[in-house]
Amino acid sequence: MKLVVGLGNPGRRYAGTRHNIGFDVLDLLAERHRLDWESAPADALMARWRMAGAILAKPLTFMNLSGYAVGELLRFFKIDFSSLLVVVDDVNLELGRLRTRARGSAGGHNGLKSLIGQLGTEDFARMRIGVGRGEARRDLSDHVLATFDREEREAAAEMVGRAADAVELFVAEGIVPVMNRFNRKEDAE
């Protein structure tokens, strides 16, 4: 069984923000595959993707505490770190870029820091979704907690669709084919 976790912040206030792009990808997957969200045995919502042998999860903790819910889900369902994919926003990637890795550091992302701290390892796959850094004068937290600008919305929607395609490939074939297919810069254009 695989566990795919989209990181974000709970509540209406954060819906559609750059920081919640992980939630958006999982919501699209649930819609595509007609999956229903239900309470999880952790502080999260989950959708059981039985045909694929996977669980989609959205922690209901705030981003900085995501590791608690993810750790509980991994333990409850007895899922190995190698079967985990975490989907997060990344301000260091331009809008539209996807970057997947089989393991790695938090790279300054507080959600990933929480997971690494709670799981005690960096050995889990992650998909970083480029949301751009925004204007240099703008506070970074204001940028990630804002919705996409009108001129960015089409690119953001395409990016969410490609990220959902990448998750489907991860569930079917693992992280290596995802890295080979979706890490190329020309795929973002």
N, C-alpha and C. Protein backbone atom coordinates (compact mmCIF):
# COMPACT_ATOMS: atom_id res chain seq x y z
N MET A 1 0.84 -1.18 0.00
CA MET A 1 0.00 0.00 0.00
C MET A 1 0.88 1.24 0.00
N LYS A 2 0.44 2.28 -0.70
CA LYS A 2 1.16 3.55 -0.75
C LYS A 2 0.34 4.62 -0.06
N LEU A 3 1.05 5.60 0.49
CA LEU A 3 0.43 6.75 1.14
C LEU A 3 0.91 8.00 0.42
N VAL A 4 -0.03 8.78 -0.09
CA VAL A 4 0.28 10.05 -0.73
C VAL A 4 -0.31 11.15 0.14
N VAL A 5 0.55 12.05 0.60
CA VAL A 5 0.13 13.11 1.51
C VAL A 5 0.31 14.46 0.82
N GLY A 6 -0.75 15.23 0.79
CA GLY A 6 -0.67 16.60 0.31
C GLY A 6 -0.62 17.51 1.52
N LEU A 7 0.36 18.40 1.55
CA LEU A 7 0.47 19.31 2.69
C LEU A 7 -0.24 20.63 2.40
N GLY A 8 -0.80 21.18 3.46
CA GLY A 8 -1.50 22.46 3.38
C GLY A 8 -1.95 22.86 4.76
N ASN A 9 -2.77 23.88 4.81
CA ASN A 9 -3.36 24.34 6.07
C ASN A 9 -4.86 24.12 6.01
N PRO A 10 -5.46 23.68 7.11
CA PRO A 10 -6.91 23.43 7.11
C PRO A 10 -7.70 24.73 7.16
N GLY A 11 -8.93 24.66 6.70
CA GLY A 11 -9.86 25.78 6.83
C GLY A 11 -10.03 26.59 5.55
N ARG A 12 -11.17 27.24 5.49
CA ARG A 12 -11.53 28.04 4.31
C ARG A 12 -10.55 29.16 4.02
N ARG A 13 -10.00 29.73 5.08
CA ARG A 13 -9.10 30.87 4.92
C ARG A 13 -7.91 30.54 4.01
N TYR A 14 -7.48 29.28 4.00
CA TYR A 14 -6.30 28.88 3.26
C TYR A 14 -6.61 28.17 1.94
N ALA A 15 -7.87 27.92 1.67
CA ALA A 15 -8.26 27.22 0.44
C ALA A 15 -7.80 28.01 -0.78
N GLY A 16 -7.19 27.32 -1.71
CA GLY A 16 -6.76 27.95 -2.95
C GLY A 16 -5.48 28.76 -2.87
N THR A 17 -4.81 28.73 -1.71
CA THR A 17 -3.55 29.48 -1.58
C THR A 17 -2.39 28.65 -2.14
N ARG A 18 -1.30 29.32 -2.38
CA ARG A 18 -0.11 28.63 -2.89
C ARG A 18 0.36 27.55 -1.91
N HIS A 19 0.26 27.83 -0.63
CA HIS A 19 0.71 26.88 0.40
C HIS A 19 -0.14 25.61 0.40
N ASN A 20 -1.34 25.67 -0.15
CA ASN A 20 -2.24 24.52 -0.14
C ASN A 20 -2.26 23.75 -1.45
N ILE A 21 -1.26 23.94 -2.27
CA ILE A 21 -1.23 23.28 -3.57
C ILE A 21 -1.22 21.75 -3.41
N GLY A 22 -0.64 21.25 -2.33
CA GLY A 22 -0.66 19.80 -2.07
C GLY A 22 -2.08 19.30 -1.87
N PHE A 23 -2.90 20.06 -1.15
CA PHE A 23 -4.31 19.71 -1.00
C PHE A 23 -5.02 19.72 -2.34
N ASP A 24 -4.71 20.73 -3.17
CA ASP A 24 -5.36 20.86 -4.48
C ASP A 24 -5.09 19.65 -5.36
N VAL A 25 -3.86 19.15 -5.35
CA VAL A 25 -3.50 17.99 -6.16
C VAL A 25 -4.30 16.77 -5.69
N LEU A 26 -4.39 16.56 -4.39
CA LEU A 26 -5.13 15.41 -3.88
C LEU A 26 -6.62 15.55 -4.13
N ASP A 27 -7.14 16.77 -4.03
CA ASP A 27 -8.56 16.98 -4.34
C ASP A 27 -8.86 16.62 -5.80
N LEU A 28 -7.96 17.00 -6.71
CA LEU A 28 -8.15 16.65 -8.12
C LEU A 28 -8.12 15.14 -8.31
N LEU A 29 -7.19 14.46 -7.66
CA LEU A 29 -7.12 13.00 -7.76
C LEU A 29 -8.39 12.35 -7.22
N ALA A 30 -8.89 12.84 -6.09
CA ALA A 30 -10.12 12.29 -5.53
C ALA A 30 -11.28 12.49 -6.50
N GLU A 31 -11.32 13.64 -7.14
CA GLU A 31 -12.37 13.92 -8.12
C GLU A 31 -12.23 13.00 -9.34
N ARG A 32 -11.02 12.88 -9.87
CA ARG A 32 -10.77 12.03 -11.05
C ARG A 32 -11.20 10.59 -10.82
N HIS A 33 -10.93 10.08 -9.62
CA HIS A 33 -11.15 8.66 -9.33
C HIS A 33 -12.38 8.41 -8.47
N ARG A 34 -13.17 9.46 -8.30
CA ARG A 34 -14.43 9.38 -7.53
C ARG A 34 -14.21 8.79 -6.14
N LEU A 35 -13.25 9.38 -5.44
CA LEU A 35 -12.93 8.95 -4.08
C LEU A 35 -13.59 9.89 -3.09
N ASP A 36 -14.03 9.35 -1.98
CA ASP A 36 -14.67 10.16 -0.94
C ASP A 36 -13.69 10.40 0.20
N TRP A 37 -13.71 11.63 0.71
CA TRP A 37 -12.89 11.98 1.87
C TRP A 37 -13.60 11.52 3.13
N GLU A 38 -12.83 10.98 4.07
CA GLU A 38 -13.37 10.52 5.35
C GLU A 38 -12.36 10.83 6.44
N SER A 39 -12.79 10.73 7.67
CA SER A 39 -11.88 10.93 8.80
C SER A 39 -10.84 9.82 8.82
N ALA A 40 -9.63 10.17 9.13
CA ALA A 40 -8.54 9.20 9.19
C ALA A 40 -8.26 8.85 10.66
N PRO A 41 -7.53 7.76 10.90
CA PRO A 41 -7.13 7.40 12.27
C PRO A 41 -5.95 8.27 12.73
N ALA A 42 -5.99 9.52 12.37
CA ALA A 42 -4.99 10.53 12.74
C ALA A 42 -5.69 11.86 12.51
N ASP A 43 -5.03 12.95 12.80
CA ASP A 43 -5.63 14.27 12.60
C ASP A 43 -5.50 14.62 11.11
N ALA A 44 -6.33 13.94 10.29
CA ALA A 44 -6.25 14.09 8.84
C ALA A 44 -7.55 13.62 8.20
N LEU A 45 -7.72 14.01 6.94
CA LEU A 45 -8.75 13.44 6.09
C LEU A 45 -8.04 12.46 5.16
N MET A 46 -8.73 11.39 4.79
CA MET A 46 -8.13 10.44 3.86
C MET A 46 -9.17 9.98 2.86
N ALA A 47 -8.67 9.54 1.72
CA ALA A 47 -9.50 8.93 0.68
C ALA A 47 -8.83 7.62 0.31
N ARG A 48 -9.58 6.55 0.40
CA ARG A 48 -9.03 5.23 0.09
C ARG A 48 -9.16 4.98 -1.41
N TRP A 49 -8.02 4.82 -2.06
CA TRP A 49 -7.96 4.56 -3.50
C TRP A 49 -7.71 3.07 -3.67
N ARG A 50 -8.74 2.31 -3.43
CA ARG A 50 -8.62 0.85 -3.35
C ARG A 50 -8.10 0.23 -4.64
N MET A 51 -8.58 0.70 -5.80
CA MET A 51 -8.16 0.13 -7.09
C MET A 51 -6.65 0.25 -7.29
N ALA A 52 -6.04 1.28 -6.72
CA ALA A 52 -4.61 1.52 -6.90
C ALA A 52 -3.79 1.03 -5.71
N GLY A 53 -4.44 0.66 -4.63
CA GLY A 53 -3.71 0.24 -3.44
C GLY A 53 -3.02 1.40 -2.75
N ALA A 54 -3.75 2.52 -2.64
CA ALA A 54 -3.16 3.72 -2.06
C ALA A 54 -4.17 4.45 -1.18
N ILE A 55 -3.63 5.28 -0.34
CA ILE A 55 -4.43 6.18 0.49
C ILE A 55 -3.93 7.60 0.23
N LEU A 56 -4.85 8.50 -0.01
CA LEU A 56 -4.54 9.93 -0.12
C LEU A 56 -4.85 10.54 1.23
N ALA A 57 -4.02 11.46 1.69
CA ALA A 57 -4.25 12.06 3.02
C ALA A 57 -3.92 13.54 3.01
N LYS A 58 -4.76 14.30 3.73
CA LYS A 58 -4.55 15.72 3.95
C LYS A 58 -4.55 15.97 5.46
N PRO A 59 -3.37 16.20 6.05
CA PRO A 59 -3.32 16.48 7.49
C PRO A 59 -4.17 17.70 7.84
N LEU A 60 -4.86 17.62 8.95
CA LEU A 60 -5.68 18.74 9.42
C LEU A 60 -4.94 19.59 10.44
N THR A 61 -3.71 19.23 10.71
CA THR A 61 -2.84 20.07 11.53
C THR A 61 -2.38 21.20 10.62
N PHE A 62 -1.84 22.23 11.16
CA PHE A 62 -1.27 23.24 10.29
C PHE A 62 0.03 22.70 9.71
N MET A 63 0.47 23.31 8.63
CA MET A 63 1.63 22.86 7.87
C MET A 63 2.81 22.49 8.77
N ASN A 64 3.12 23.34 9.74
CA ASN A 64 4.30 23.15 10.58
C ASN A 64 4.20 21.95 11.52
N LEU A 65 3.02 21.34 11.62
CA LEU A 65 2.82 20.18 12.50
C LEU A 65 2.40 18.94 11.72
N SER A 66 2.57 18.95 10.42
CA SER A 66 2.12 17.85 9.56
C SER A 66 2.72 16.51 9.92
N GLY A 67 3.91 16.50 10.44
CA GLY A 67 4.60 15.25 10.74
C GLY A 67 3.86 14.36 11.72
N TYR A 68 3.14 14.96 12.65
CA TYR A 68 2.40 14.15 13.63
C TYR A 68 1.36 13.28 12.94
N ALA A 69 0.55 13.87 12.09
CA ALA A 69 -0.50 13.12 11.40
C ALA A 69 0.09 12.08 10.46
N VAL A 70 1.12 12.45 9.73
CA VAL A 70 1.73 11.52 8.77
C VAL A 70 2.34 10.33 9.51
N GLY A 71 3.04 10.59 10.59
CA GLY A 71 3.62 9.50 11.38
C GLY A 71 2.55 8.54 11.88
N GLU A 72 1.45 9.08 12.38
CA GLU A 72 0.35 8.23 12.85
C GLU A 72 -0.22 7.38 11.72
N LEU A 73 -0.40 7.96 10.54
CA LEU A 73 -0.94 7.21 9.41
C LEU A 73 0.00 6.09 8.98
N LEU A 74 1.28 6.39 8.91
CA LEU A 74 2.25 5.36 8.53
C LEU A 74 2.23 4.19 9.51
N ARG A 75 2.19 4.51 10.81
CA ARG A 75 2.16 3.45 11.83
C ARG A 75 0.84 2.67 11.79
N PHE A 76 -0.26 3.38 11.69
CA PHE A 76 -1.57 2.71 11.70
C PHE A 76 -1.72 1.73 10.53
N PHE A 77 -1.34 2.19 9.33
CA PHE A 77 -1.51 1.36 8.14
C PHE A 77 -0.28 0.50 7.85
N LYS A 78 0.75 0.60 8.70
CA LYS A 78 1.98 -0.19 8.55
C LYS A 78 2.59 0.01 7.15
N ILE A 79 2.75 1.28 6.79
CA ILE A 79 3.31 1.64 5.49
C ILE A 79 4.76 2.04 5.67
N ASP A 80 5.62 1.51 4.82
CA ASP A 80 7.05 1.79 4.85
C ASP A 80 7.33 3.17 4.25
N PHE A 81 8.40 3.81 4.70
CA PHE A 81 8.79 5.13 4.18
C PHE A 81 8.94 5.13 2.66
N SER A 82 9.38 4.00 2.09
CA SER A 82 9.58 3.92 0.64
C SER A 82 8.27 3.98 -0.14
N SER A 83 7.15 3.84 0.54
CA SER A 83 5.83 3.90 -0.10
C SER A 83 5.10 5.20 0.19
N LEU A 84 5.83 6.20 0.68
CA LEU A 84 5.27 7.51 1.01
C LEU A 84 5.69 8.53 -0.03
N LEU A 85 4.74 9.34 -0.48
CA LEU A 85 5.02 10.49 -1.33
C LEU A 85 4.35 11.70 -0.69
N VAL A 86 5.12 12.77 -0.49
CA VAL A 86 4.61 14.01 0.09
C VAL A 86 4.60 15.08 -0.99
N VAL A 87 3.47 15.75 -1.16
CA VAL A 87 3.29 16.78 -2.18
C VAL A 87 3.23 18.14 -1.49
N VAL A 88 4.19 19.03 -1.85
CA VAL A 88 4.30 20.33 -1.17
C VAL A 88 4.55 21.46 -2.18
N ASP A 89 4.28 22.67 -1.72
CA ASP A 89 4.61 23.86 -2.50
C ASP A 89 6.10 24.15 -2.36
N ASP A 90 6.66 24.87 -3.34
CA ASP A 90 8.07 25.27 -3.26
C ASP A 90 8.25 26.65 -3.87
N VAL A 91 8.64 27.62 -3.05
CA VAL A 91 8.84 28.99 -3.54
C VAL A 91 10.13 29.13 -4.33
N ASN A 92 11.02 28.15 -4.23
CA ASN A 92 12.29 28.23 -4.95
C ASN A 92 12.20 27.67 -6.37
N LEU A 93 11.04 27.19 -6.74
CA LEU A 93 10.80 26.75 -8.12
C LEU A 93 9.81 27.71 -8.76
N GLU A 94 10.07 28.04 -10.03
CA GLU A 94 9.13 28.93 -10.71
C GLU A 94 7.78 28.23 -10.90
N LEU A 95 6.76 29.04 -11.03
CA LEU A 95 5.41 28.53 -11.22
C LEU A 95 5.38 27.57 -12.40
N GLY A 96 4.84 26.41 -12.17
CA GLY A 96 4.71 25.41 -13.23
C GLY A 96 5.72 24.29 -13.18
N ARG A 97 6.80 24.43 -12.42
CA ARG A 97 7.82 23.39 -12.34
C ARG A 97 7.47 22.36 -11.28
N LEU A 98 7.76 21.11 -11.58
CA LEU A 98 7.65 20.02 -10.61
C LEU A 98 9.05 19.46 -10.40
N ARG A 99 9.35 19.11 -9.18
CA ARG A 99 10.62 18.44 -8.90
C ARG A 99 10.34 17.34 -7.90
N THR A 100 10.65 16.12 -8.29
CA THR A 100 10.46 14.98 -7.40
C THR A 100 11.81 14.40 -7.02
N ARG A 101 11.88 13.90 -5.82
CA ARG A 101 13.09 13.28 -5.30
C ARG A 101 12.68 12.07 -4.45
N ALA A 102 13.55 11.08 -4.42
CA ALA A 102 13.31 9.88 -3.61
C ALA A 102 13.60 10.13 -2.14
N ARG A 103 14.40 11.16 -1.86
CA ARG A 103 14.75 11.52 -0.49
C ARG A 103 15.35 12.90 -0.52
N GLY A 104 15.62 13.49 0.64
CA GLY A 104 16.28 14.78 0.66
C GLY A 104 15.96 15.57 1.91
N SER A 105 16.57 16.73 2.00
CA SER A 105 16.39 17.58 3.17
C SER A 105 15.06 18.34 3.07
N ALA A 106 14.78 19.10 4.10
CA ALA A 106 13.57 19.92 4.12
C ALA A 106 13.70 21.11 3.18
N GLY A 107 14.91 21.53 2.89
CA GLY A 107 15.13 22.65 1.99
C GLY A 107 14.43 23.92 2.46
N GLY A 108 14.29 24.10 3.78
CA GLY A 108 13.65 25.30 4.32
C GLY A 108 12.14 25.22 4.41
N HIS A 109 11.54 24.11 3.98
CA HIS A 109 10.07 23.98 4.02
C HIS A 109 9.64 23.46 5.39
N ASN A 110 8.81 24.23 6.09
CA ASN A 110 8.43 23.87 7.46
C ASN A 110 7.61 22.59 7.54
N GLY A 111 6.79 22.31 6.54
CA GLY A 111 6.04 21.05 6.54
C GLY A 111 6.97 19.85 6.45
N LEU A 112 7.96 19.95 5.55
CA LEU A 112 8.93 18.86 5.43
C LEU A 112 9.79 18.75 6.68
N LYS A 113 10.13 19.88 7.30
CA LYS A 113 10.89 19.84 8.57
C LYS A 113 10.11 19.05 9.61
N SER A 114 8.81 19.29 9.70
CA SER A 114 7.98 18.58 10.66
C SER A 114 7.98 17.08 10.39
N LEU A 115 7.84 16.71 9.12
CA LEU A 115 7.84 15.28 8.78
C LEU A 115 9.17 14.63 9.12
N ILE A 116 10.26 15.27 8.72
CA ILE A 116 11.59 14.71 9.00
C ILE A 116 11.80 14.58 10.51
N GLY A 117 11.38 15.58 11.26
CA GLY A 117 11.52 15.53 12.71
C GLY A 117 10.70 14.42 13.34
N GLN A 118 9.49 14.24 12.90
CA GLN A 118 8.62 13.21 13.47
C GLN A 118 8.98 11.80 12.99
N LEU A 119 9.37 11.68 11.72
CA LEU A 119 9.67 10.36 11.18
C LEU A 119 11.10 9.92 11.49
N GLY A 120 11.97 10.89 11.77
CA GLY A 120 13.35 10.56 12.08
C GLY A 120 14.16 10.16 10.86
N THR A 121 13.69 10.54 9.67
CA THR A 121 14.40 10.19 8.44
C THR A 121 14.05 11.18 7.34
N GLU A 122 14.97 11.28 6.38
CA GLU A 122 14.73 12.05 5.15
C GLU A 122 14.42 11.11 3.99
N ASP A 123 14.34 9.81 4.29
CA ASP A 123 14.17 8.78 3.26
C ASP A 123 12.72 8.55 2.88
N PHE A 124 12.11 9.57 2.31
CA PHE A 124 10.77 9.43 1.74
C PHE A 124 10.69 10.34 0.53
N ALA A 125 9.87 9.95 -0.43
CA ALA A 125 9.74 10.71 -1.68
C ALA A 125 8.96 11.99 -1.44
N ARG A 126 9.34 13.01 -2.20
CA ARG A 126 8.60 14.26 -2.12
C ARG A 126 8.49 14.85 -3.51
N MET A 127 7.37 15.52 -3.75
CA MET A 127 7.15 16.24 -4.99
C MET A 127 6.98 17.70 -4.62
N ARG A 128 7.90 18.51 -5.10
CA ARG A 128 7.84 19.95 -4.86
C ARG A 128 7.18 20.59 -6.07
N ILE A 129 6.20 21.45 -5.80
CA ILE A 129 5.45 22.11 -6.85
C ILE A 129 5.78 23.60 -6.81
N GLY A 130 6.30 24.10 -7.92
CA GLY A 130 6.73 25.49 -7.98
C GLY A 130 5.60 26.49 -7.90
N VAL A 131 5.67 27.37 -6.92
CA VAL A 131 4.69 28.45 -6.78
C VAL A 131 5.36 29.82 -6.92
N GLY A 132 6.66 29.81 -7.20
CA GLY A 132 7.40 31.05 -7.37
C GLY A 132 7.63 31.78 -6.05
N ARG A 133 8.52 32.72 -6.08
CA ARG A 133 8.87 33.48 -4.89
C ARG A 133 8.09 34.77 -4.76
N GLY A 134 7.56 35.25 -5.85
CA GLY A 134 6.83 36.52 -5.80
C GLY A 134 7.78 37.69 -5.82
N GLU A 135 7.25 38.86 -5.62
CA GLU A 135 8.06 40.08 -5.62
C GLU A 135 9.00 40.10 -4.42
N ALA A 136 10.19 40.58 -4.64
CA ALA A 136 11.20 40.62 -3.58
C ALA A 136 10.75 41.45 -2.39
N ARG A 137 9.95 42.48 -2.64
CA ARG A 137 9.49 43.36 -1.56
C ARG A 137 8.39 42.71 -0.71
N ARG A 138 7.73 41.71 -1.25
CA ARG A 138 6.62 41.08 -0.55
C ARG A 138 7.11 40.06 0.47
N ASP A 139 6.51 40.05 1.63
CA ASP A 139 6.83 39.06 2.66
C ASP A 139 6.53 37.66 2.13
N LEU A 140 7.46 36.73 2.31
CA LEU A 140 7.31 35.39 1.76
C LEU A 140 6.09 34.67 2.31
N SER A 141 5.80 34.83 3.60
CA SER A 141 4.62 34.17 4.16
C SER A 141 3.35 34.75 3.57
N ASP A 142 3.32 36.05 3.30
CA ASP A 142 2.16 36.64 2.63
C ASP A 142 1.99 36.06 1.24
N HIS A 143 3.11 35.83 0.56
CA HIS A 143 3.06 35.27 -0.80
C HIS A 143 2.46 33.87 -0.79
N VAL A 144 2.96 32.98 0.06
CA VAL A 144 2.47 31.59 0.03
C VAL A 144 1.06 31.46 0.59
N LEU A 145 0.64 32.41 1.41
CA LEU A 145 -0.71 32.34 1.98
C LEU A 145 -1.72 33.13 1.14
N ALA A 146 -1.29 33.57 -0.04
CA ALA A 146 -2.19 34.27 -0.97
C ALA A 146 -2.62 33.32 -2.07
N THR A 147 -3.76 33.62 -2.68
CA THR A 147 -4.20 32.85 -3.84
C THR A 147 -3.38 33.26 -5.05
N PHE A 148 -3.47 32.47 -6.11
CA PHE A 148 -2.75 32.79 -7.33
C PHE A 148 -3.37 34.02 -7.99
N ASP A 149 -2.51 34.86 -8.55
CA ASP A 149 -2.98 36.04 -9.27
C ASP A 149 -3.74 35.59 -10.53
N ARG A 150 -4.58 36.44 -11.04
CA ARG A 150 -5.41 36.11 -12.21
C ARG A 150 -4.57 35.56 -13.36
N GLU A 151 -3.44 36.21 -13.65
CA GLU A 151 -2.61 35.78 -14.78
C GLU A 151 -1.86 34.47 -14.49
N GLU A 152 -1.85 34.02 -13.25
CA GLU A 152 -1.18 32.77 -12.87
C GLU A 152 -2.14 31.58 -12.82
N ARG A 153 -3.42 31.83 -12.79
CA ARG A 153 -4.39 30.75 -12.51
C ARG A 153 -4.37 29.62 -13.53
N GLU A 154 -4.25 29.96 -14.81
CA GLU A 154 -4.24 28.91 -15.83
C GLU A 154 -3.01 28.02 -15.67
N ALA A 155 -1.85 28.64 -15.48
CA ALA A 155 -0.61 27.88 -15.28
C ALA A 155 -0.69 27.03 -14.01
N ALA A 156 -1.30 27.58 -12.96
CA ALA A 156 -1.44 26.83 -11.71
C ALA A 156 -2.34 25.62 -11.90
N ALA A 157 -3.44 25.79 -12.62
CA ALA A 157 -4.36 24.67 -12.87
C ALA A 157 -3.67 23.58 -13.69
N GLU A 158 -2.90 23.98 -14.71
CA GLU A 158 -2.16 23.00 -15.51
C GLU A 158 -1.14 22.26 -14.65
N MET A 159 -0.48 23.00 -13.77
CA MET A 159 0.52 22.42 -12.89
C MET A 159 -0.12 21.40 -11.94
N VAL A 160 -1.27 21.71 -11.39
CA VAL A 160 -1.98 20.78 -10.51
C VAL A 160 -2.34 19.51 -11.28
N GLY A 161 -2.78 19.67 -12.52
CA GLY A 161 -3.10 18.51 -13.35
C GLY A 161 -1.90 17.62 -13.61
N ARG A 162 -0.75 18.24 -13.94
CA ARG A 162 0.48 17.48 -14.17
C ARG A 162 0.94 16.80 -12.88
N ALA A 163 0.82 17.49 -11.76
CA ALA A 163 1.21 16.89 -10.48
C ALA A 163 0.32 15.68 -10.17
N ALA A 164 -0.98 15.78 -10.47
CA ALA A 164 -1.88 14.63 -10.27
C ALA A 164 -1.47 13.47 -11.17
N ASP A 165 -1.09 13.78 -12.42
CA ASP A 165 -0.59 12.73 -13.32
C ASP A 165 0.65 12.06 -12.72
N ALA A 166 1.54 12.87 -12.14
CA ALA A 166 2.77 12.34 -11.54
C ALA A 166 2.45 11.45 -10.34
N VAL A 167 1.46 11.83 -9.54
CA VAL A 167 1.07 10.99 -8.40
C VAL A 167 0.52 9.66 -8.91
N GLU A 168 -0.28 9.69 -9.95
CA GLU A 168 -0.81 8.44 -10.51
C GLU A 168 0.33 7.52 -10.96
N LEU A 169 1.36 8.11 -11.56
CA LEU A 169 2.52 7.32 -11.98
C LEU A 169 3.27 6.77 -10.77
N PHE A 170 3.42 7.57 -9.72
CA PHE A 170 4.07 7.10 -8.49
C PHE A 170 3.33 5.90 -7.92
N VAL A 171 2.02 6.00 -7.84
CA VAL A 171 1.23 4.91 -7.26
C VAL A 171 1.36 3.65 -8.10
N ALA A 172 1.40 3.79 -9.42
CA ALA A 172 1.48 2.63 -10.31
C ALA A 172 2.88 2.05 -10.42
N GLU A 173 3.93 2.93 -10.45
CA GLU A 173 5.26 2.44 -10.80
C GLU A 173 6.38 2.87 -9.86
N GLY A 174 6.12 3.77 -8.90
CA GLY A 174 7.16 4.20 -7.98
C GLY A 174 7.76 5.54 -8.36
N ILE A 175 8.75 5.97 -7.59
CA ILE A 175 9.28 7.33 -7.72
C ILE A 175 10.23 7.50 -8.91
N VAL A 176 10.99 6.49 -9.29
CA VAL A 176 11.98 6.65 -10.36
C VAL A 176 11.34 7.05 -11.68
N PRO A 177 10.28 6.39 -12.14
CA PRO A 177 9.65 6.85 -13.38
C PRO A 177 9.10 8.28 -13.28
N VAL A 178 8.64 8.67 -12.11
CA VAL A 178 8.15 10.04 -11.91
C VAL A 178 9.29 11.03 -12.09
N MET A 179 10.43 10.75 -11.47
CA MET A 179 11.58 11.65 -11.60
C MET A 179 12.03 11.73 -13.06
N ASN A 180 12.07 10.61 -13.75
CA ASN A 180 12.51 10.59 -15.15
C ASN A 180 11.57 11.37 -16.06
N ARG A 181 10.30 11.32 -15.78
CA ARG A 181 9.32 11.96 -16.68
C ARG A 181 9.00 13.41 -16.31
N PHE A 182 8.92 13.73 -15.03
CA PHE A 182 8.38 15.03 -14.62
C PHE A 182 9.41 16.04 -14.15
N ASN A 183 10.66 15.66 -13.99
CA ASN A 183 11.67 16.61 -13.53
C ASN A 183 12.28 17.43 -14.65
N ARG A 184 11.97 17.12 -15.89
CA ARG A 184 12.52 17.87 -17.02
C ARG A 184 11.89 19.24 -17.10
N LYS A 185 12.73 20.25 -17.29
CA LYS A 185 12.24 21.63 -17.33
C LYS A 185 11.26 21.86 -18.47
N GLU A 186 11.49 21.24 -19.63
CA GLU A 186 10.60 21.47 -20.78
C GLU A 186 9.18 20.99 -20.52
N ASP A 187 8.98 20.08 -19.56
CA ASP A 187 7.64 19.62 -19.22
C ASP A 187 6.82 20.72 -18.57
N ALA A 188 7.47 21.73 -18.04
CA ALA A 188 6.77 22.82 -17.36
C ALA A 188 6.27 23.86 -18.34
N GLU A 189 6.71 23.79 -19.58
CA GLU A 189 6.36 24.84 -20.54
C GLU A 189 5.26 24.42 -21.48
